[in-house]
Amino acid sequence: MRFLAVTPHFAMGITVVFALISAVLFVIMVALARPISVLMQAPAEAVDLTAN
């Protein structure tokens, strides 16, 4: 049986992809904080504190 080794180049690529996905999700969550809070039916006071 032959095992594939994870090369440093491959590991760096995985790290970059993970960082890009994290950055995109961060921007989406910050931009859509108010609509997400409303969708979760949070009280008005909580929405005001969350999405200033």
PDB file of N, CA and C in Angstrom:
ATOM      1  N   MET A   1       0.845  -1.169   0.000  1.00  0.00           N
ATOM      2  CA  MET A   1       0.000   0.000   0.000  1.00  0.00           C
ATOM      3  C   MET A   1       0.897   1.241   0.000  1.00  0.00           C
ATOM      4  N   ARG A   2       0.534   2.211  -0.814  1.00  0.00           N
ATOM      5  CA  ARG A   2       1.341   3.417  -0.938  1.00  0.00           C
ATOM      6  C   ARG A   2       0.633   4.581  -0.227  1.00  0.00           C
ATOM      7  N   PHE A   3       1.346   5.268   0.638  1.00  0.00           N
ATOM      8  CA  PHE A   3       0.792   6.407   1.350  1.00  0.00           C
ATOM      9  C   PHE A   3       1.271   7.692   0.702  1.00  0.00           C
ATOM     10  N   LEU A   4       0.384   8.663   0.625  1.00  0.00           N
ATOM     11  CA  LEU A   4       0.752   9.963   0.089  1.00  0.00           C
ATOM     12  C   LEU A   4       1.184  10.875   1.231  1.00  0.00           C
ATOM     13  N   ALA A   5       2.360  11.449   1.085  1.00  0.00           N
ATOM     14  CA  ALA A   5       2.854  12.356   2.112  1.00  0.00           C
ATOM     15  C   ALA A   5       2.328  13.765   1.849  1.00  0.00           C
ATOM     16  N   VAL A   6       2.075  14.499   2.907  1.00  0.00           N
ATOM     17  CA  VAL A   6       1.653  15.892   2.776  1.00  0.00           C
ATOM     18  C   VAL A   6       2.916  16.730   2.672  1.00  0.00           C
ATOM     19  N   THR A   7       3.100  17.330   1.526  1.00  0.00           N
ATOM     20  CA  THR A   7       4.290  18.143   1.307  1.00  0.00           C
ATOM     21  C   THR A   7       4.088  19.524   1.921  1.00  0.00           C
ATOM     22  N   PRO A   8       5.165  20.217   2.219  1.00  0.00           N
ATOM     23  CA  PRO A   8       5.036  21.575   2.767  1.00  0.00           C
ATOM     24  C   PRO A   8       4.283  22.514   1.814  1.00  0.00           C
ATOM     25  N   HIS A   9       4.469  22.334   0.516  1.00  0.00           N
ATOM     26  CA  HIS A   9       3.770  23.166  -0.461  1.00  0.00           C
ATOM     27  C   HIS A   9       2.263  22.940  -0.376  1.00  0.00           C
ATOM     28  N   PHE A  10       1.844  21.700  -0.257  1.00  0.00           N
ATOM     29  CA  PHE A  10       0.421  21.361  -0.133  1.00  0.00           C
ATOM     30  C   PHE A  10      -0.149  21.910   1.167  1.00  0.00           C
ATOM     31  N   ALA A  11       0.597  21.784   2.262  1.00  0.00           N
ATOM     32  CA  ALA A  11       0.134  22.283   3.559  1.00  0.00           C
ATOM     33  C   ALA A  11      -0.017  23.803   3.517  1.00  0.00           C
ATOM     34  N   MET A  12       0.889  24.496   2.828  1.00  0.00           N
ATOM     35  CA  MET A  12       0.781  25.945   2.711  1.00  0.00           C
ATOM     36  C   MET A  12      -0.457  26.317   1.905  1.00  0.00           C
ATOM     37  N   GLY A  13      -0.760  25.552   0.873  1.00  0.00           N
ATOM     38  CA  GLY A  13      -1.951  25.804   0.077  1.00  0.00           C
ATOM     39  C   GLY A  13      -3.220  25.633   0.889  1.00  0.00           C
ATOM     40  N   ILE A  14      -3.267  24.616   1.720  1.00  0.00           N
ATOM     41  CA  ILE A  14      -4.428  24.391   2.586  1.00  0.00           C
ATOM     42  C   ILE A  14      -4.580  25.553   3.560  1.00  0.00           C
ATOM     43  N   THR A  15      -3.458  26.036   4.091  1.00  0.00           N
ATOM     44  CA  THR A  15      -3.488  27.164   5.020  1.00  0.00           C
ATOM     45  C   THR A  15      -4.026  28.420   4.349  1.00  0.00           C
ATOM     46  N   VAL A  16      -3.611  28.672   3.134  1.00  0.00           N
ATOM     47  CA  VAL A  16      -4.079  29.851   2.402  1.00  0.00           C
ATOM     48  C   VAL A  16      -5.572  29.743   2.106  1.00  0.00           C
ATOM     49  N   VAL A  17      -6.022  28.578   1.692  1.00  0.00           N
ATOM     50  CA  VAL A  17      -7.444  28.380   1.414  1.00  0.00           C
ATOM     51  C   VAL A  17      -8.261  28.575   2.686  1.00  0.00           C
ATOM     52  N   PHE A  18      -7.799  28.036   3.799  1.00  0.00           N
ATOM     53  CA  PHE A  18      -8.502  28.202   5.068  1.00  0.00           C
ATOM     54  C   PHE A  18      -8.570  29.677   5.464  1.00  0.00           C
ATOM     55  N   ALA A  19      -7.465  30.408   5.291  1.00  0.00           N
ATOM     56  CA  ALA A  19      -7.446  31.831   5.633  1.00  0.00           C
ATOM     57  C   ALA A  19      -8.405  32.619   4.751  1.00  0.00           C
ATOM     58  N   LEU A  20      -8.477  32.310   3.472  1.00  0.00           N
ATOM     59  CA  LEU A  20      -9.395  33.007   2.571  1.00  0.00           C
ATOM     60  C   LEU A  20     -10.848  32.730   2.936  1.00  0.00           C
ATOM     61  N   ILE A  21     -11.170  31.481   3.209  1.00  0.00           N
ATOM     62  CA  ILE A  21     -12.536  31.136   3.613  1.00  0.00           C
ATOM     63  C   ILE A  21     -12.895  31.850   4.916  1.00  0.00           C
ATOM     64  N   SER A  22     -11.964  31.903   5.862  1.00  0.00           N
ATOM     65  CA  SER A  22     -12.209  32.581   7.132  1.00  0.00           C
ATOM     66  C   SER A  22     -12.463  34.070   6.916  1.00  0.00           C
ATOM     67  N   ALA A  23     -11.687  34.703   6.054  1.00  0.00           N
ATOM     68  CA  ALA A  23     -11.850  36.127   5.787  1.00  0.00           C
ATOM     69  C   ALA A  23     -13.199  36.408   5.124  1.00  0.00           C
ATOM     70  N   VAL A  24     -13.586  35.569   4.185  1.00  0.00           N
ATOM     71  CA  VAL A  24     -14.874  35.753   3.501  1.00  0.00           C
ATOM     72  C   VAL A  24     -16.026  35.581   4.489  1.00  0.00           C
ATOM     73  N   LEU A  25     -15.969  34.564   5.323  1.00  0.00           N
ATOM     74  CA  LEU A  25     -17.024  34.354   6.307  1.00  0.00           C
ATOM     75  C   LEU A  25     -17.089  35.499   7.315  1.00  0.00           C
ATOM     76  N   PHE A  26     -15.941  36.044   7.702  1.00  0.00           N
ATOM     77  CA  PHE A  26     -15.899  37.177   8.622  1.00  0.00           C
ATOM     78  C   PHE A  26     -16.621  38.382   8.026  1.00  0.00           C
ATOM     79  N   VAL A  27     -16.316  38.694   6.766  1.00  0.00           N
ATOM     80  CA  VAL A  27     -16.946  39.835   6.105  1.00  0.00           C
ATOM     81  C   VAL A  27     -18.460  39.619   5.983  1.00  0.00           C
ATOM     82  N   ILE A  28     -18.856  38.417   5.620  1.00  0.00           N
ATOM     83  CA  ILE A  28     -20.292  38.121   5.489  1.00  0.00           C
ATOM     84  C   ILE A  28     -20.993  38.277   6.830  1.00  0.00           C
ATOM     85  N   MET A  29     -20.412  37.750   7.898  1.00  0.00           N
ATOM     86  CA  MET A  29     -21.055  37.822   9.210  1.00  0.00           C
ATOM     87  C   MET A  29     -21.129  39.256   9.723  1.00  0.00           C
ATOM     88  N   VAL A  30     -20.107  40.065   9.467  1.00  0.00           N
ATOM     89  CA  VAL A  30     -20.137  41.456   9.907  1.00  0.00           C
ATOM     90  C   VAL A  30     -21.151  42.247   9.084  1.00  0.00           C
ATOM     91  N   ALA A  31     -21.169  42.014   7.784  1.00  0.00           N
ATOM     92  CA  ALA A  31     -22.078  42.758   6.908  1.00  0.00           C
ATOM     93  C   ALA A  31     -23.535  42.383   7.146  1.00  0.00           C
ATOM     94  N   LEU A  32     -23.790  41.146   7.504  1.00  0.00           N
ATOM     95  CA  LEU A  32     -25.169  40.677   7.655  1.00  0.00           C
ATOM     96  C   LEU A  32     -25.571  40.460   9.116  1.00  0.00           C
ATOM     97  N   ALA A  33     -24.914  41.158  10.036  1.00  0.00           N
ATOM     98  CA  ALA A  33     -25.204  40.955  11.464  1.00  0.00           C
ATOM     99  C   ALA A  33     -26.652  41.305  11.790  1.00  0.00           C
ATOM    100  N   ARG A  34     -27.122  42.447  11.291  1.00  0.00           N
ATOM    101  CA  ARG A  34     -28.497  42.865  11.602  1.00  0.00           C
ATOM    102  C   ARG A  34     -29.524  41.909  10.982  1.00  0.00           C
ATOM    103  N   PRO A  35     -29.433  41.577   9.682  1.00  0.00           N
ATOM    104  CA  PRO A  35     -30.424  40.641   9.131  1.00  0.00           C
ATOM    105  C   PRO A  35     -30.412  39.268   9.809  1.00  0.00           C
ATOM    106  N   ILE A  36     -29.241  38.812  10.192  1.00  0.00           N
ATOM    107  CA  ILE A  36     -29.167  37.515  10.871  1.00  0.00           C
ATOM    108  C   ILE A  36     -29.822  37.597  12.247  1.00  0.00           C
ATOM    109  N   SER A  37     -29.580  38.713  12.956  1.00  0.00           N
ATOM    110  CA  SER A  37     -30.214  38.892  14.275  1.00  0.00           C
ATOM    111  C   SER A  37     -31.729  38.942  14.154  1.00  0.00           C
ATOM    112  N   VAL A  38     -32.227  39.637  13.136  1.00  0.00           N
ATOM    113  CA  VAL A  38     -33.674  39.715  12.927  1.00  0.00           C
ATOM    114  C   VAL A  38     -34.228  38.340  12.558  1.00  0.00           C
ATOM    115  N   LEU A  39     -33.499  37.616  11.726  1.00  0.00           N
ATOM    116  CA  LEU A  39     -33.936  36.280  11.316  1.00  0.00           C
ATOM    117  C   LEU A  39     -34.024  35.337  12.509  1.00  0.00           C
ATOM    118  N   MET A  40     -33.125  35.522  13.482  1.00  0.00           N
ATOM    119  CA  MET A  40     -33.149  34.696  14.689  1.00  0.00           C
ATOM    120  C   MET A  40     -34.198  35.179  15.686  1.00  0.00           C
ATOM    121  N   GLN A  41     -34.950  36.223  15.324  1.00  0.00           N
ATOM    122  CA  GLN A  41     -36.006  36.795  16.162  1.00  0.00           C
ATOM    123  C   GLN A  41     -35.468  37.250  17.512  1.00  0.00           C
ATOM    124  N   ALA A  42     -34.313  37.918  17.475  1.00  0.00           N
ATOM    125  CA  ALA A  42     -33.737  38.473  18.696  1.00  0.00           C
ATOM    126  C   ALA A  42     -34.546  39.696  19.111  1.00  0.00           C
ATOM    127  N   PRO A  43     -34.602  39.992  20.401  1.00  0.00           N
ATOM    128  CA  PRO A  43     -35.298  41.198  20.861  1.00  0.00           C
ATOM    129  C   PRO A  43     -34.648  42.458  20.273  1.00  0.00           C
ATOM    130  N   ALA A  44     -35.419  43.526  20.172  1.00  0.00           N
ATOM    131  CA  ALA A  44     -34.939  44.762  19.553  1.00  0.00           C
ATOM    132  C   ALA A  44     -33.697  45.301  20.265  1.00  0.00           C
ATOM    133  N   GLU A  45     -33.667  45.186  21.596  1.00  0.00           N
ATOM    134  CA  GLU A  45     -32.508  45.672  22.359  1.00  0.00           C
ATOM    135  C   GLU A  45     -31.244  44.899  21.984  1.00  0.00           C
ATOM    136  N   ALA A  46     -31.390  43.610  21.804  1.00  0.00           N
ATOM    137  CA  ALA A  46     -30.239  42.783  21.439  1.00  0.00           C
ATOM    138  C   ALA A  46     -29.771  43.105  20.019  1.00  0.00           C
ATOM    139  N   VAL A  47     -30.705  43.355  19.123  1.00  0.00           N
ATOM    140  CA  VAL A  47     -30.330  43.691  17.752  1.00  0.00           C
ATOM    141  C   VAL A  47     -29.573  45.002  17.736  1.00  0.00           C
ATOM    142  N   ASP A  48     -30.033  45.985  18.512  1.00  0.00           N
ATOM    143  CA  ASP A  48     -29.337  47.267  18.570  1.00  0.00           C
ATOM    144  C   ASP A  48     -27.925  47.127  19.121  1.00  0.00           C
ATOM    145  N   LEU A  49     -27.741  46.289  20.127  1.00  0.00           N
ATOM    146  CA  LEU A  49     -26.406  46.092  20.699  1.00  0.00           C
ATOM    147  C   LEU A  49     -25.496  45.278  19.788  1.00  0.00           C
ATOM    148  N   THR A  50     -26.075  44.371  19.019  1.00  0.00           N
ATOM    149  CA  THR A  50     -25.276  43.496  18.162  1.00  0.00           C
ATOM    150  C   THR A  50     -24.820  44.187  16.902  1.00  0.00           C
ATOM    151  N   ALA A  51     -25.694  44.952  16.288  1.00  0.00           N
ATOM    152  CA  ALA A  51     -25.416  45.453  14.939  1.00  0.00           C
ATOM    153  C   ALA A  51     -25.278  46.965  14.897  1.00  0.00           C
ATOM    154  N   ASN A  52     -24.494  47.533  15.787  1.00  0.00           N
ATOM    155  CA  ASN A  52     -24.258  48.981  15.750  1.00  0.00           C
ATOM    156  C   ASN A  52     -23.296  49.344  14.668  1.00  0.00           C
TER     157      ASN A  52
END
